[in-house]
N, C-alpha and C. Protein backbone atom coordinates (compact mmCIF):
# COMPACT_ATOMS: atom_id res chain seq x y z
N MET A 1 -3.01 -11.92 -11.33
CA MET A 1 -3.67 -12.24 -10.10
C MET A 1 -3.73 -10.99 -9.24
N GLU A 2 -4.83 -10.81 -8.57
CA GLU A 2 -5.02 -9.64 -7.72
C GLU A 2 -4.94 -10.05 -6.26
N VAL A 3 -4.10 -9.38 -5.51
CA VAL A 3 -3.95 -9.61 -4.08
C VAL A 3 -4.42 -8.36 -3.37
N ARG A 4 -5.24 -8.53 -2.34
CA ARG A 4 -5.82 -7.38 -1.67
C ARG A 4 -5.54 -7.43 -0.18
N ALA A 5 -5.54 -6.27 0.42
CA ALA A 5 -5.52 -6.11 1.87
C ALA A 5 -6.46 -4.97 2.21
N VAL A 6 -7.22 -5.14 3.27
CA VAL A 6 -8.21 -4.15 3.66
C VAL A 6 -7.90 -3.68 5.08
N ALA A 7 -7.85 -2.38 5.27
CA ALA A 7 -7.66 -1.81 6.60
C ALA A 7 -9.01 -1.39 7.14
N LYS A 8 -9.38 -1.98 8.26
CA LYS A 8 -10.67 -1.66 8.87
C LYS A 8 -10.45 -0.83 10.12
N TRP A 9 -11.46 -0.11 10.50
CA TRP A 9 -11.48 0.70 11.71
C TRP A 9 -10.37 1.76 11.69
N VAL A 10 -10.18 2.36 10.54
CA VAL A 10 -9.19 3.43 10.40
C VAL A 10 -9.88 4.75 10.70
N ARG A 11 -9.30 5.51 11.61
CA ARG A 11 -9.91 6.77 12.03
C ARG A 11 -9.30 7.93 11.25
N THR A 12 -9.30 7.78 9.94
CA THR A 12 -8.83 8.83 9.04
C THR A 12 -9.82 8.93 7.90
N GLY A 13 -10.06 10.12 7.45
CA GLY A 13 -11.03 10.33 6.39
C GLY A 13 -10.55 9.78 5.05
N PRO A 14 -11.47 9.34 4.22
CA PRO A 14 -11.10 8.77 2.93
C PRO A 14 -10.41 9.76 2.00
N ARG A 15 -10.75 11.03 2.10
CA ARG A 15 -10.09 12.03 1.25
C ARG A 15 -8.60 12.13 1.56
N LYS A 16 -8.28 12.06 2.85
CA LYS A 16 -6.89 12.17 3.26
C LYS A 16 -6.08 10.96 2.81
N VAL A 17 -6.66 9.76 2.87
CA VAL A 17 -5.95 8.56 2.43
C VAL A 17 -5.87 8.53 0.91
N ARG A 18 -6.94 8.97 0.24
CA ARG A 18 -6.97 8.94 -1.22
C ARG A 18 -5.88 9.82 -1.82
N ARG A 19 -5.51 10.90 -1.14
CA ARG A 19 -4.44 11.78 -1.61
C ARG A 19 -3.14 10.99 -1.80
N TYR A 20 -2.82 10.11 -0.86
CA TYR A 20 -1.59 9.33 -0.94
C TYR A 20 -1.77 8.09 -1.82
N ALA A 21 -2.98 7.56 -1.88
CA ALA A 21 -3.24 6.43 -2.76
C ALA A 21 -3.06 6.83 -4.23
N ASP A 22 -3.45 8.05 -4.56
CA ASP A 22 -3.27 8.54 -5.93
C ASP A 22 -1.79 8.70 -6.28
N LEU A 23 -0.97 9.00 -5.27
CA LEU A 23 0.47 9.14 -5.52
C LEU A 23 1.14 7.82 -5.89
N ILE A 24 0.67 6.72 -5.31
CA ILE A 24 1.36 5.43 -5.51
C ILE A 24 0.67 4.54 -6.53
N ARG A 25 -0.52 4.89 -6.96
CA ARG A 25 -1.25 4.05 -7.90
C ARG A 25 -0.49 3.91 -9.21
N GLY A 26 -0.29 2.66 -9.67
CA GLY A 26 0.39 2.39 -10.93
C GLY A 26 1.90 2.23 -10.79
N ARG A 27 2.44 2.35 -9.61
CA ARG A 27 3.88 2.27 -9.39
C ARG A 27 4.27 0.90 -8.86
N SER A 28 5.57 0.63 -8.88
CA SER A 28 6.07 -0.62 -8.32
C SER A 28 6.04 -0.53 -6.80
N ILE A 29 6.19 -1.67 -6.15
CA ILE A 29 6.15 -1.71 -4.70
C ILE A 29 7.31 -0.93 -4.09
N ALA A 30 8.48 -1.02 -4.69
CA ALA A 30 9.64 -0.30 -4.17
C ALA A 30 9.42 1.22 -4.24
N ASP A 31 8.87 1.68 -5.35
CA ASP A 31 8.58 3.12 -5.49
C ASP A 31 7.51 3.56 -4.49
N ALA A 32 6.48 2.74 -4.32
CA ALA A 32 5.40 3.08 -3.39
C ALA A 32 5.91 3.14 -1.96
N ARG A 33 6.78 2.20 -1.59
CA ARG A 33 7.37 2.22 -0.25
C ARG A 33 8.20 3.48 -0.04
N ALA A 34 8.95 3.87 -1.04
CA ALA A 34 9.80 5.06 -0.94
C ALA A 34 8.95 6.32 -0.79
N ILE A 35 7.89 6.41 -1.57
CA ILE A 35 7.02 7.59 -1.52
C ILE A 35 6.33 7.68 -0.16
N LEU A 36 5.77 6.57 0.30
CA LEU A 36 5.05 6.60 1.57
C LEU A 36 5.99 6.73 2.76
N GLY A 37 7.23 6.33 2.59
CA GLY A 37 8.19 6.41 3.68
C GLY A 37 8.59 7.82 4.05
N VAL A 38 8.54 8.73 3.11
CA VAL A 38 8.95 10.11 3.39
C VAL A 38 7.77 11.02 3.75
N GLN A 39 6.56 10.51 3.65
CA GLN A 39 5.38 11.30 4.01
C GLN A 39 5.19 11.28 5.52
N SER A 40 4.86 12.42 6.10
CA SER A 40 4.73 12.50 7.55
C SER A 40 3.28 12.39 8.04
N SER A 41 2.35 12.20 7.15
CA SER A 41 0.94 12.16 7.50
C SER A 41 0.55 10.81 8.11
N PRO A 42 -0.33 10.82 9.11
CA PRO A 42 -0.84 9.56 9.64
C PRO A 42 -1.61 8.76 8.59
N ALA A 43 -2.23 9.43 7.65
CA ALA A 43 -2.94 8.73 6.58
C ALA A 43 -1.97 7.95 5.71
N ALA A 44 -0.80 8.50 5.45
CA ALA A 44 0.22 7.79 4.67
C ALA A 44 0.75 6.60 5.45
N ALA A 45 0.84 6.72 6.77
CA ALA A 45 1.31 5.60 7.59
C ALA A 45 0.31 4.44 7.55
N VAL A 46 -0.97 4.76 7.58
CA VAL A 46 -2.00 3.72 7.48
C VAL A 46 -1.93 3.04 6.12
N LEU A 47 -1.75 3.81 5.08
CA LEU A 47 -1.67 3.26 3.73
C LEU A 47 -0.42 2.40 3.56
N ARG A 48 0.69 2.82 4.14
CA ARG A 48 1.92 2.02 4.06
C ARG A 48 1.75 0.69 4.79
N LYS A 49 1.10 0.71 5.93
CA LYS A 49 0.86 -0.52 6.68
C LYS A 49 -0.03 -1.48 5.88
N THR A 50 -1.02 -0.95 5.22
CA THR A 50 -1.90 -1.77 4.39
C THR A 50 -1.16 -2.31 3.17
N LEU A 51 -0.29 -1.50 2.59
CA LEU A 51 0.53 -1.94 1.46
C LEU A 51 1.45 -3.09 1.88
N GLU A 52 2.08 -2.97 3.03
CA GLU A 52 2.95 -4.03 3.53
C GLU A 52 2.17 -5.31 3.79
N SER A 53 0.95 -5.19 4.25
CA SER A 53 0.10 -6.35 4.47
C SER A 53 -0.24 -7.04 3.15
N ALA A 54 -0.54 -6.26 2.13
CA ALA A 54 -0.85 -6.84 0.82
C ALA A 54 0.37 -7.54 0.22
N VAL A 55 1.54 -6.97 0.39
CA VAL A 55 2.77 -7.59 -0.11
C VAL A 55 3.04 -8.89 0.64
N ALA A 56 2.84 -8.88 1.95
CA ALA A 56 3.03 -10.11 2.73
C ALA A 56 2.03 -11.18 2.31
N ASN A 57 0.79 -10.81 2.03
CA ASN A 57 -0.21 -11.76 1.54
C ASN A 57 0.22 -12.36 0.21
N ALA A 58 0.74 -11.53 -0.67
CA ALA A 58 1.17 -12.01 -1.99
C ALA A 58 2.33 -12.98 -1.88
N GLU A 59 3.29 -12.66 -1.01
CA GLU A 59 4.47 -13.51 -0.87
C GLU A 59 4.14 -14.83 -0.17
N ASN A 60 3.36 -14.78 0.88
CA ASN A 60 3.12 -15.98 1.68
C ASN A 60 1.98 -16.85 1.18
N ASN A 61 0.92 -16.25 0.70
CA ASN A 61 -0.26 -17.02 0.30
C ASN A 61 -0.28 -17.39 -1.17
N HIS A 62 0.37 -16.58 -2.02
CA HIS A 62 0.29 -16.81 -3.46
C HIS A 62 1.65 -17.06 -4.10
N ASP A 63 2.71 -17.13 -3.30
CA ASP A 63 4.07 -17.40 -3.78
C ASP A 63 4.50 -16.44 -4.89
N LEU A 64 4.21 -15.17 -4.73
CA LEU A 64 4.60 -14.15 -5.70
C LEU A 64 5.84 -13.41 -5.18
N ASP A 65 6.62 -12.87 -6.09
CA ASP A 65 7.81 -12.10 -5.72
C ASP A 65 7.43 -10.62 -5.59
N ALA A 66 7.89 -9.97 -4.54
CA ALA A 66 7.53 -8.58 -4.29
C ALA A 66 8.07 -7.64 -5.37
N GLU A 67 9.16 -8.01 -6.02
CA GLU A 67 9.74 -7.14 -7.06
C GLU A 67 8.86 -7.09 -8.32
N ASP A 68 8.01 -8.08 -8.51
CA ASP A 68 7.17 -8.14 -9.69
C ASP A 68 5.81 -7.49 -9.50
N LEU A 69 5.50 -7.05 -8.30
CA LEU A 69 4.19 -6.51 -7.99
C LEU A 69 4.07 -5.03 -8.31
N LYS A 70 2.85 -4.61 -8.63
CA LYS A 70 2.53 -3.21 -8.86
C LYS A 70 1.30 -2.85 -8.06
N VAL A 71 1.18 -1.59 -7.73
CA VAL A 71 -0.02 -1.08 -7.03
C VAL A 71 -1.05 -0.72 -8.09
N LEU A 72 -2.24 -1.24 -7.93
CA LEU A 72 -3.31 -0.93 -8.90
C LEU A 72 -4.29 0.07 -8.36
């Protein structure tokens, strides 16, 4: 099952966000949180907030466990 979250009205360029998205793609949620947590870029902060939203959607709306999720 695919769970999505979309961040709208983000005032950061797609290239800057894509740099951090490439770092976490294919990893577990715990690894992605750790990677984004140590990055000081505002683009990484936006991506972390969107990741947390997607995890919350998965847990609350689809009854999925956060430990079983991966970033695609």
